[in-house]
All heavy atoms as atom14 arrays in JSON, in Angstrom:
{
  "sequence": "ASNLQEFIALARKSPGKYSYGSGGVGSASHLGTEMMRLAGGFTLLH",
  "atom14_mask": [
    [1, 1, 1, 1, 1, 0, 0, 0, 0, 0, 0, 0, 0, 0],
    [1, 1, 1, 1, 1, 1, 0, 0, 0, 0, 0, 0, 0, 0],
    [1, 1, 1, 1, 1, 1, 1, 1, 0, 0, 0, 0, 0, 0],
    [1, 1, 1, 1, 1, 1, 1, 1, 0, 0, 0, 0, 0, 0],
    [1, 1, 1, 1, 1, 1, 1, 1, 1, 0, 0, 0, 0, 0],
    [1, 1, 1, 1, 1, 1, 1, 1, 1, 0, 0, 0, 0, 0],
    [1, 1, 1, 1, 1, 1, 1, 1, 1, 1, 1, 0, 0, 0],
    [1, 1, 1, 1, 1, 1, 1, 1, 0, 0, 0, 0, 0, 0],
    [1, 1, 1, 1, 1, 0, 0, 0, 0, 0, 0, 0, 0, 0],
    [1, 1, 1, 1, 1, 1, 1, 1, 0, 0, 0, 0, 0, 0],
    [1, 1, 1, 1, 1, 0, 0, 0, 0, 0, 0, 0, 0, 0],
    [1, 1, 1, 1, 1, 1, 1, 1, 1, 1, 1, 0, 0, 0],
    [1, 1, 1, 1, 1, 1, 1, 1, 1, 0, 0, 0, 0, 0],
    [1, 1, 1, 1, 1, 1, 0, 0, 0, 0, 0, 0, 0, 0],
    [1, 1, 1, 1, 1, 1, 1, 0, 0, 0, 0, 0, 0, 0],
    [1, 1, 1, 1, 0, 0, 0, 0, 0, 0, 0, 0, 0, 0],
    [1, 1, 1, 1, 1, 1, 1, 1, 1, 0, 0, 0, 0, 0],
    [1, 1, 1, 1, 1, 1, 1, 1, 1, 1, 1, 1, 0, 0],
    [1, 1, 1, 1, 1, 1, 0, 0, 0, 0, 0, 0, 0, 0],
    [1, 1, 1, 1, 1, 1, 1, 1, 1, 1, 1, 1, 0, 0],
    [1, 1, 1, 1, 0, 0, 0, 0, 0, 0, 0, 0, 0, 0],
    [1, 1, 1, 1, 1, 1, 0, 0, 0, 0, 0, 0, 0, 0],
    [1, 1, 1, 1, 0, 0, 0, 0, 0, 0, 0, 0, 0, 0],
    [1, 1, 1, 1, 0, 0, 0, 0, 0, 0, 0, 0, 0, 0],
    [1, 1, 1, 1, 1, 1, 1, 0, 0, 0, 0, 0, 0, 0],
    [1, 1, 1, 1, 0, 0, 0, 0, 0, 0, 0, 0, 0, 0],
    [1, 1, 1, 1, 1, 1, 0, 0, 0, 0, 0, 0, 0, 0],
    [1, 1, 1, 1, 1, 0, 0, 0, 0, 0, 0, 0, 0, 0],
    [1, 1, 1, 1, 1, 1, 0, 0, 0, 0, 0, 0, 0, 0],
    [1, 1, 1, 1, 1, 1, 1, 1, 1, 1, 0, 0, 0, 0],
    [1, 1, 1, 1, 1, 1, 1, 1, 0, 0, 0, 0, 0, 0],
    [1, 1, 1, 1, 0, 0, 0, 0, 0, 0, 0, 0, 0, 0],
    [1, 1, 1, 1, 1, 1, 1, 0, 0, 0, 0, 0, 0, 0],
    [1, 1, 1, 1, 1, 1, 1, 1, 1, 0, 0, 0, 0, 0],
    [1, 1, 1, 1, 1, 1, 1, 1, 0, 0, 0, 0, 0, 0],
    [1, 1, 1, 1, 1, 1, 1, 1, 0, 0, 0, 0, 0, 0],
    [1, 1, 1, 1, 1, 1, 1, 1, 1, 1, 1, 0, 0, 0],
    [1, 1, 1, 1, 1, 1, 1, 1, 0, 0, 0, 0, 0, 0],
    [1, 1, 1, 1, 1, 0, 0, 0, 0, 0, 0, 0, 0, 0],
    [1, 1, 1, 1, 0, 0, 0, 0, 0, 0, 0, 0, 0, 0],
    [1, 1, 1, 1, 0, 0, 0, 0, 0, 0, 0, 0, 0, 0],
    [1, 1, 1, 1, 1, 1, 1, 1, 1, 1, 1, 0, 0, 0],
    [1, 1, 1, 1, 1, 1, 1, 0, 0, 0, 0, 0, 0, 0],
    [1, 1, 1, 1, 1, 1, 1, 1, 0, 0, 0, 0, 0, 0],
    [1, 1, 1, 1, 1, 1, 1, 1, 0, 0, 0, 0, 0, 0],
    [1, 1, 1, 1, 1, 1, 1, 1, 1, 1, 0, 0, 0, 0]
  ],
  "atom14_positions": [
    [[124.07, 130.91, 119.93], [123.26, 131.35, 121.06], [124.19, 131.83, 122.16], [125.18, 131.17, 122.48], [122.37, 130.22, 121.59], [0.0, 0.0, 0.0], [0.0, 0.0, 0.0], [0.0, 0.0, 0.0], [0.0, 0.0, 0.0], [0.0, 0.0, 0.0], [0.0, 0.0, 0.0], [0.0, 0.0, 0.0], [0.0, 0.0, 0.0], [0.0, 0.0, 0.0]],
    [[123.89, 132.99, 122.69], [124.82, 133.55, 123.72], [124.34, 133.27, 125.14], [125.07, 133.52, 126.1], [124.93, 135.07, 123.53], [123.67, 135.7, 123.61], [0.0, 0.0, 0.0], [0.0, 0.0, 0.0], [0.0, 0.0, 0.0], [0.0, 0.0, 0.0], [0.0, 0.0, 0.0], [0.0, 0.0, 0.0], [0.0, 0.0, 0.0], [0.0, 0.0, 0.0]],
    [[123.09, 132.73, 125.28], [122.62, 132.43, 126.63], [121.58, 131.3, 126.54], [121.26, 130.81, 125.46], [122.0, 133.68, 127.26], [120.91, 134.31, 126.41], [119.98, 133.64, 125.97], [121.04, 135.61, 126.16], [0.0, 0.0, 0.0], [0.0, 0.0, 0.0], [0.0, 0.0, 0.0], [0.0, 0.0, 0.0], [0.0, 0.0, 0.0], [0.0, 0.0, 0.0]],
    [[121.11, 130.89, 127.67], [120.19, 129.73, 127.74], [118.89, 130.0, 126.99], [118.38, 129.14, 126.24], [119.91, 129.4, 129.19], [118.97, 128.14, 129.41], [119.66, 126.89, 128.94], [118.57, 128.03, 130.87], [0.0, 0.0, 0.0], [0.0, 0.0, 0.0], [0.0, 0.0, 0.0], [0.0, 0.0, 0.0], [0.0, 0.0, 0.0], [0.0, 0.0, 0.0]],
    [[118.32, 131.18, 127.18], [117.03, 131.47, 126.53], [117.15, 131.42, 124.99], [116.26, 130.92, 124.3], [116.51, 132.84, 126.99], [116.04, 132.84, 128.45], [115.48, 134.19, 128.85], [115.99, 135.26, 128.48], [114.41, 134.17, 129.62], [0.0, 0.0, 0.0], [0.0, 0.0, 0.0], [0.0, 0.0, 0.0], [0.0, 0.0, 0.0], [0.0, 0.0, 0.0]],
    [[118.23, 131.97, 124.48], [118.45, 131.93, 123.05], [118.59, 130.49, 122.54], [118.1, 130.1, 121.49], [119.68, 132.75, 122.65], [119.47, 134.26, 122.83], [120.69, 135.03, 122.42], [121.69, 134.41, 121.93], [120.69, 136.3, 122.58], [0.0, 0.0, 0.0], [0.0, 0.0, 0.0], [0.0, 0.0, 0.0], [0.0, 0.0, 0.0], [0.0, 0.0, 0.0]],
    [[119.31, 129.67, 123.34], [119.51, 128.25, 122.96], [118.15, 127.54, 122.97], [117.85, 126.78, 122.06], [120.46, 127.56, 123.9], [120.46, 126.07, 123.74], [120.87, 125.48, 122.57], [119.98, 125.25, 124.76], [120.85, 124.1, 122.39], [119.93, 123.89, 124.6], [120.36, 123.31, 123.43], [0.0, 0.0, 0.0], [0.0, 0.0, 0.0], [0.0, 0.0, 0.0]],
    [[117.34, 127.74, 123.97], [116.03, 127.08, 124.04], [115.19, 127.45, 122.84], [114.51, 126.61, 122.24], [115.33, 127.42, 125.35], [116.04, 126.79, 126.55], [113.86, 126.97, 125.33], [115.47, 127.13, 127.92], [0.0, 0.0, 0.0], [0.0, 0.0, 0.0], [0.0, 0.0, 0.0], [0.0, 0.0, 0.0], [0.0, 0.0, 0.0], [0.0, 0.0, 0.0]],
    [[115.24, 128.73, 122.44], [114.47, 129.17, 121.28], [114.97, 128.47, 120.02], [114.14, 128.05, 119.18], [114.61, 130.71, 121.15], [0.0, 0.0, 0.0], [0.0, 0.0, 0.0], [0.0, 0.0, 0.0], [0.0, 0.0, 0.0], [0.0, 0.0, 0.0], [0.0, 0.0, 0.0], [0.0, 0.0, 0.0], [0.0, 0.0, 0.0], [0.0, 0.0, 0.0]],
    [[116.28, 128.32, 119.89], [116.84, 127.62, 118.71], [116.4, 126.14, 118.69], [115.98, 125.63, 117.63], [118.38, 127.64, 118.78], [119.08, 128.9, 118.29], [120.57, 128.74, 118.52], [118.79, 129.19, 116.83], [0.0, 0.0, 0.0], [0.0, 0.0, 0.0], [0.0, 0.0, 0.0], [0.0, 0.0, 0.0], [0.0, 0.0, 0.0], [0.0, 0.0, 0.0]],
    [[116.47, 125.51, 119.87], [116.11, 124.09, 119.92], [114.64, 123.84, 119.68], [114.27, 122.82, 119.07], [116.53, 123.54, 121.29], [0.0, 0.0, 0.0], [0.0, 0.0, 0.0], [0.0, 0.0, 0.0], [0.0, 0.0, 0.0], [0.0, 0.0, 0.0], [0.0, 0.0, 0.0], [0.0, 0.0, 0.0], [0.0, 0.0, 0.0], [0.0, 0.0, 0.0]],
    [[113.81, 124.75, 120.13], [112.37, 124.62, 119.89], [112.03, 124.81, 118.41], [111.17, 124.15, 117.85], [111.61, 125.67, 120.73], [111.5, 125.33, 122.2], [110.87, 126.46, 122.95], [110.7, 126.16, 124.38], [110.32, 127.08, 125.26], [110.11, 128.34, 124.9], [110.2, 126.71, 126.56], [0.0, 0.0, 0.0], [0.0, 0.0, 0.0], [0.0, 0.0, 0.0]],
    [[112.79, 125.7, 117.8], [112.55, 125.99, 116.36], [112.98, 124.83, 115.46], [112.37, 124.58, 114.43], [113.33, 127.29, 115.97], [113.06, 127.74, 114.56], [113.8, 129.03, 114.27], [113.55, 129.52, 112.86], [114.3, 130.8, 112.58], [0.0, 0.0, 0.0], [0.0, 0.0, 0.0], [0.0, 0.0, 0.0], [0.0, 0.0, 0.0], [0.0, 0.0, 0.0]],
    [[114.04, 124.14, 115.88], [114.59, 123.03, 115.06], [114.77, 121.77, 115.91], [115.85, 121.45, 116.33], [115.95, 123.42, 114.45], [115.82, 124.6, 113.67], [0.0, 0.0, 0.0], [0.0, 0.0, 0.0], [0.0, 0.0, 0.0], [0.0, 0.0, 0.0], [0.0, 0.0, 0.0], [0.0, 0.0, 0.0], [0.0, 0.0, 0.0], [0.0, 0.0, 0.0]],
    [[113.66, 121.03, 116.2], [113.71, 119.85, 117.05], [114.71, 118.81, 116.5], [114.65, 118.45, 115.32], [112.29, 119.32, 116.99], [111.45, 120.52, 116.63], [112.3, 121.32, 115.7], [0.0, 0.0, 0.0], [0.0, 0.0, 0.0], [0.0, 0.0, 0.0], [0.0, 0.0, 0.0], [0.0, 0.0, 0.0], [0.0, 0.0, 0.0], [0.0, 0.0, 0.0]],
    [[115.6, 118.37, 117.38], [116.57, 117.3, 117.0], [117.77, 117.77, 116.22], [118.63, 116.95, 115.9], [0.0, 0.0, 0.0], [0.0, 0.0, 0.0], [0.0, 0.0, 0.0], [0.0, 0.0, 0.0], [0.0, 0.0, 0.0], [0.0, 0.0, 0.0], [0.0, 0.0, 0.0], [0.0, 0.0, 0.0], [0.0, 0.0, 0.0], [0.0, 0.0, 0.0]],
    [[117.83, 119.04, 115.91], [118.95, 119.54, 115.1], [120.24, 119.61, 115.94], [121.35, 119.33, 115.45], [118.65, 120.92, 114.55], [119.8, 121.56, 113.77], [119.41, 122.93, 113.22], [120.6, 123.57, 112.48], [120.27, 124.9, 111.96], [0.0, 0.0, 0.0], [0.0, 0.0, 0.0], [0.0, 0.0, 0.0], [0.0, 0.0, 0.0], [0.0, 0.0, 0.0]],
    [[120.09, 119.94, 117.21], [121.24, 120.09, 118.09], [121.43, 118.86, 118.96], [120.43, 118.23, 119.37], [121.11, 121.36, 118.91], [120.94, 122.6, 118.07], [119.7, 123.19, 117.86], [122.05, 123.16, 117.39], [119.54, 124.31, 117.06], [121.92, 124.27, 116.58], [120.65, 124.83, 116.4], [120.53, 125.93, 115.6], [0.0, 0.0, 0.0], [0.0, 0.0, 0.0]],
    [[122.69, 118.52, 119.27], [122.94, 117.32, 120.02], [123.65, 117.65, 121.35], [124.3, 118.68, 121.52], [123.86, 116.39, 119.22], [125.1, 117.04, 118.88], [0.0, 0.0, 0.0], [0.0, 0.0, 0.0], [0.0, 0.0, 0.0], [0.0, 0.0, 0.0], [0.0, 0.0, 0.0], [0.0, 0.0, 0.0], [0.0, 0.0, 0.0], [0.0, 0.0, 0.0]],
    [[123.48, 116.75, 122.31], [124.16, 116.89, 123.57], [124.86, 115.61, 123.93], [124.45, 114.51, 123.52], [123.16, 117.29, 124.67], [122.3, 116.17, 125.23], [122.69, 115.41, 126.33], [121.06, 115.88, 124.63], [121.88, 114.38, 126.83], [120.25, 114.87, 125.13], [120.67, 114.12, 126.24], [119.87, 113.11, 126.71], [0.0, 0.0, 0.0], [0.0, 0.0, 0.0]],
    [[125.98, 115.74, 124.63], [126.73, 114.56, 125.06], [126.44, 114.23, 126.51], [125.87, 115.03, 127.26], [0.0, 0.0, 0.0], [0.0, 0.0, 0.0], [0.0, 0.0, 0.0], [0.0, 0.0, 0.0], [0.0, 0.0, 0.0], [0.0, 0.0, 0.0], [0.0, 0.0, 0.0], [0.0, 0.0, 0.0], [0.0, 0.0, 0.0], [0.0, 0.0, 0.0]],
    [[126.83, 113.0, 126.89], [126.68, 112.59, 128.26], [127.77, 111.59, 128.59], [128.47, 111.1, 127.71], [125.29, 111.98, 128.52], [125.25, 110.62, 128.04], [0.0, 0.0, 0.0], [0.0, 0.0, 0.0], [0.0, 0.0, 0.0], [0.0, 0.0, 0.0], [0.0, 0.0, 0.0], [0.0, 0.0, 0.0], [0.0, 0.0, 0.0], [0.0, 0.0, 0.0]],
    [[127.86, 111.25, 129.88], [128.8, 110.24, 130.3], [128.25, 108.84, 130.2], [128.84, 107.91, 130.73], [0.0, 0.0, 0.0], [0.0, 0.0, 0.0], [0.0, 0.0, 0.0], [0.0, 0.0, 0.0], [0.0, 0.0, 0.0], [0.0, 0.0, 0.0], [0.0, 0.0, 0.0], [0.0, 0.0, 0.0], [0.0, 0.0, 0.0], [0.0, 0.0, 0.0]],
    [[127.17, 108.67, 129.46], [126.55, 107.38, 129.29], [125.11, 107.36, 129.69], [124.67, 108.25, 130.42], [0.0, 0.0, 0.0], [0.0, 0.0, 0.0], [0.0, 0.0, 0.0], [0.0, 0.0, 0.0], [0.0, 0.0, 0.0], [0.0, 0.0, 0.0], [0.0, 0.0, 0.0], [0.0, 0.0, 0.0], [0.0, 0.0, 0.0], [0.0, 0.0, 0.0]],
    [[124.38, 106.37, 129.24], [122.95, 106.27, 129.6], [122.76, 106.11, 131.1], [123.4, 105.27, 131.74], [122.32, 105.05, 128.88], [120.86, 104.84, 129.33], [122.35, 105.25, 127.35], [0.0, 0.0, 0.0], [0.0, 0.0, 0.0], [0.0, 0.0, 0.0], [0.0, 0.0, 0.0], [0.0, 0.0, 0.0], [0.0, 0.0, 0.0], [0.0, 0.0, 0.0]],
    [[121.92, 106.98, 131.68], [121.65, 106.93, 133.1], [122.65, 107.71, 133.95], [122.52, 107.73, 135.16], [0.0, 0.0, 0.0], [0.0, 0.0, 0.0], [0.0, 0.0, 0.0], [0.0, 0.0, 0.0], [0.0, 0.0, 0.0], [0.0, 0.0, 0.0], [0.0, 0.0, 0.0], [0.0, 0.0, 0.0], [0.0, 0.0, 0.0], [0.0, 0.0, 0.0]],
    [[123.65, 108.3, 133.31], [124.62, 109.1, 134.07], [124.02, 110.43, 134.52], [122.95, 110.83, 134.07], [125.86, 109.37, 133.21], [125.52, 110.21, 132.08], [0.0, 0.0, 0.0], [0.0, 0.0, 0.0], [0.0, 0.0, 0.0], [0.0, 0.0, 0.0], [0.0, 0.0, 0.0], [0.0, 0.0, 0.0], [0.0, 0.0, 0.0], [0.0, 0.0, 0.0]],
    [[124.71, 111.11, 135.42], [124.24, 112.4, 135.91], [124.09, 113.4, 134.78], [123.11, 114.13, 134.71], [125.21, 112.93, 136.96], [0.0, 0.0, 0.0], [0.0, 0.0, 0.0], [0.0, 0.0, 0.0], [0.0, 0.0, 0.0], [0.0, 0.0, 0.0], [0.0, 0.0, 0.0], [0.0, 0.0, 0.0], [0.0, 0.0, 0.0], [0.0, 0.0, 0.0]],
    [[125.06, 113.4, 133.88], [124.99, 114.36, 132.77], [123.8, 114.04, 131.83], [123.19, 114.95, 131.28], [126.27, 114.33, 131.97], [126.62, 113.02, 131.6], [0.0, 0.0, 0.0], [0.0, 0.0, 0.0], [0.0, 0.0, 0.0], [0.0, 0.0, 0.0], [0.0, 0.0, 0.0], [0.0, 0.0, 0.0], [0.0, 0.0, 0.0], [0.0, 0.0, 0.0]],
    [[123.47, 112.77, 131.69], [122.32, 112.39, 130.86], [121.01, 112.82, 131.5], [120.2, 113.5, 130.88], [122.34, 110.83, 130.7], [121.25, 110.33, 129.78], [120.85, 109.0, 129.78], [120.46, 110.97, 128.86], [119.9, 108.83, 128.91], [119.63, 109.99, 128.33], [0.0, 0.0, 0.0], [0.0, 0.0, 0.0], [0.0, 0.0, 0.0], [0.0, 0.0, 0.0]],
    [[120.83, 112.46, 132.8], [119.55, 112.79, 133.46], [119.41, 114.29, 133.66], [118.31, 114.83, 133.53], [119.49, 112.04, 134.8], [119.27, 110.55, 134.68], [119.44, 109.87, 136.04], [117.87, 110.21, 134.15], [0.0, 0.0, 0.0], [0.0, 0.0, 0.0], [0.0, 0.0, 0.0], [0.0, 0.0, 0.0], [0.0, 0.0, 0.0], [0.0, 0.0, 0.0]],
    [[120.5, 114.95, 134.01], [120.44, 116.4, 134.19], [120.01, 117.13, 132.93], [119.26, 118.1, 132.96], [0.0, 0.0, 0.0], [0.0, 0.0, 0.0], [0.0, 0.0, 0.0], [0.0, 0.0, 0.0], [0.0, 0.0, 0.0], [0.0, 0.0, 0.0], [0.0, 0.0, 0.0], [0.0, 0.0, 0.0], [0.0, 0.0, 0.0], [0.0, 0.0, 0.0]],
    [[120.55, 116.66, 131.78], [120.15, 117.29, 130.51], [118.7, 116.98, 130.12], [117.98, 117.86, 129.66], [121.09, 116.82, 129.35], [122.43, 116.96, 129.75], [120.84, 117.64, 128.12], [0.0, 0.0, 0.0], [0.0, 0.0, 0.0], [0.0, 0.0, 0.0], [0.0, 0.0, 0.0], [0.0, 0.0, 0.0], [0.0, 0.0, 0.0], [0.0, 0.0, 0.0]],
    [[118.27, 115.75, 130.38], [116.88, 115.4, 130.1], [115.91, 116.17, 130.94], [114.84, 116.58, 130.52], [116.68, 113.88, 130.28], [117.26, 113.07, 129.15], [116.59, 113.37, 127.81], [115.38, 113.41, 127.71], [117.35, 113.56, 126.84], [0.0, 0.0, 0.0], [0.0, 0.0, 0.0], [0.0, 0.0, 0.0], [0.0, 0.0, 0.0], [0.0, 0.0, 0.0]],
    [[116.3, 116.42, 132.22], [115.46, 117.24, 133.08], [115.33, 118.64, 132.52], [114.25, 119.26, 132.5], [116.01, 117.28, 134.49], [115.24, 118.18, 135.43], [115.99, 118.33, 137.08], [115.25, 116.95, 137.9], [0.0, 0.0, 0.0], [0.0, 0.0, 0.0], [0.0, 0.0, 0.0], [0.0, 0.0, 0.0], [0.0, 0.0, 0.0], [0.0, 0.0, 0.0]],
    [[116.46, 119.2, 132.05], [116.46, 120.52, 131.44], [115.62, 120.54, 130.15], [114.83, 121.48, 129.95], [117.91, 120.95, 131.15], [118.02, 122.28, 130.39], [119.75, 122.72, 129.97], [120.12, 121.51, 128.69], [0.0, 0.0, 0.0], [0.0, 0.0, 0.0], [0.0, 0.0, 0.0], [0.0, 0.0, 0.0], [0.0, 0.0, 0.0], [0.0, 0.0, 0.0]],
    [[115.79, 119.52, 129.35], [115.02, 119.47, 128.07], [113.53, 119.37, 128.32], [112.76, 120.07, 127.65], [115.52, 118.22, 127.3], [114.95, 118.12, 125.9], [115.33, 116.81, 125.26], [114.75, 115.68, 125.91], [113.45, 115.32, 125.8], [112.61, 116.07, 125.11], [112.99, 114.25, 126.44], [0.0, 0.0, 0.0], [0.0, 0.0, 0.0], [0.0, 0.0, 0.0]],
    [[113.15, 118.54, 129.28], [111.71, 118.44, 129.58], [111.15, 119.73, 130.17], [110.05, 120.12, 129.83], [111.49, 117.28, 130.56], [111.75, 115.87, 129.99], [111.8, 114.85, 131.13], [110.7, 115.47, 128.98], [0.0, 0.0, 0.0], [0.0, 0.0, 0.0], [0.0, 0.0, 0.0], [0.0, 0.0, 0.0], [0.0, 0.0, 0.0], [0.0, 0.0, 0.0]],
    [[111.93, 120.36, 131.04], [111.48, 121.63, 131.64], [111.36, 122.74, 130.59], [110.46, 123.58, 130.66], [112.45, 122.07, 132.71], [0.0, 0.0, 0.0], [0.0, 0.0, 0.0], [0.0, 0.0, 0.0], [0.0, 0.0, 0.0], [0.0, 0.0, 0.0], [0.0, 0.0, 0.0], [0.0, 0.0, 0.0], [0.0, 0.0, 0.0], [0.0, 0.0, 0.0]],
    [[112.25, 122.69, 129.59], [112.23, 123.76, 128.57], [111.35, 123.45, 127.38], [111.07, 124.34, 126.55], [0.0, 0.0, 0.0], [0.0, 0.0, 0.0], [0.0, 0.0, 0.0], [0.0, 0.0, 0.0], [0.0, 0.0, 0.0], [0.0, 0.0, 0.0], [0.0, 0.0, 0.0], [0.0, 0.0, 0.0], [0.0, 0.0, 0.0], [0.0, 0.0, 0.0]],
    [[110.89, 122.2, 127.24], [109.99, 121.84, 126.14], [110.66, 121.85, 124.8], [110.15, 122.38, 123.81], [0.0, 0.0, 0.0], [0.0, 0.0, 0.0], [0.0, 0.0, 0.0], [0.0, 0.0, 0.0], [0.0, 0.0, 0.0], [0.0, 0.0, 0.0], [0.0, 0.0, 0.0], [0.0, 0.0, 0.0], [0.0, 0.0, 0.0], [0.0, 0.0, 0.0]],
    [[111.88, 121.23, 124.71], [112.57, 121.16, 123.43], [113.19, 119.77, 123.23], [113.22, 118.97, 124.18], [113.63, 122.25, 123.29], [114.65, 122.29, 124.4], [115.81, 121.54, 124.29], [114.43, 123.06, 125.51], [116.75, 121.56, 125.32], [115.39, 123.1, 126.54], [116.54, 122.37, 126.47], [0.0, 0.0, 0.0], [0.0, 0.0, 0.0], [0.0, 0.0, 0.0]],
    [[113.63, 119.49, 122.04], [114.2, 118.18, 121.74], [115.63, 118.28, 121.3], [115.98, 119.16, 120.51], [113.36, 117.52, 120.59], [112.0, 117.43, 120.97], [113.9, 116.14, 120.24], [0.0, 0.0, 0.0], [0.0, 0.0, 0.0], [0.0, 0.0, 0.0], [0.0, 0.0, 0.0], [0.0, 0.0, 0.0], [0.0, 0.0, 0.0], [0.0, 0.0, 0.0]],
    [[116.46, 117.34, 121.8], [117.88, 117.32, 121.42], [118.25, 115.87, 121.08], [117.58, 114.95, 121.53], [118.78, 117.76, 122.61], [118.64, 119.19, 123.15], [119.49, 119.37, 124.38], [119.03, 120.19, 122.05], [0.0, 0.0, 0.0], [0.0, 0.0, 0.0], [0.0, 0.0, 0.0], [0.0, 0.0, 0.0], [0.0, 0.0, 0.0], [0.0, 0.0, 0.0]],
    [[119.32, 115.71, 120.33], [119.83, 114.38, 119.99], [120.85, 113.99, 121.05], [121.81, 114.71, 121.32], [120.48, 114.41, 118.61], [121.15, 113.12, 118.15], [120.11, 112.0, 117.98], [121.91, 113.33, 116.86], [0.0, 0.0, 0.0], [0.0, 0.0, 0.0], [0.0, 0.0, 0.0], [0.0, 0.0, 0.0], [0.0, 0.0, 0.0], [0.0, 0.0, 0.0]],
    [[120.68, 112.8, 121.64], [121.59, 112.35, 122.69], [122.76, 111.56, 122.1], [122.55, 110.58, 121.33], [120.83, 111.44, 123.7], [121.69, 110.89, 124.8], [121.47, 109.67, 125.36], [122.82, 111.39, 125.41], [122.38, 109.45, 126.29], [123.21, 110.47, 126.32], [0.0, 0.0, 0.0], [0.0, 0.0, 0.0], [0.0, 0.0, 0.0], [0.0, 0.0, 0.0]]
  ]
}
């Protein structure tokens, strides 16, 4: 995916296929990604 919209389309097409990292449960990187995921309506593996 070359941009955010393409990535969201990929993630929606294959729920849970793609993973994201974070600095730990409850960290800024964790919450920021979850906010993005909820706003975009897709699923990722944490």
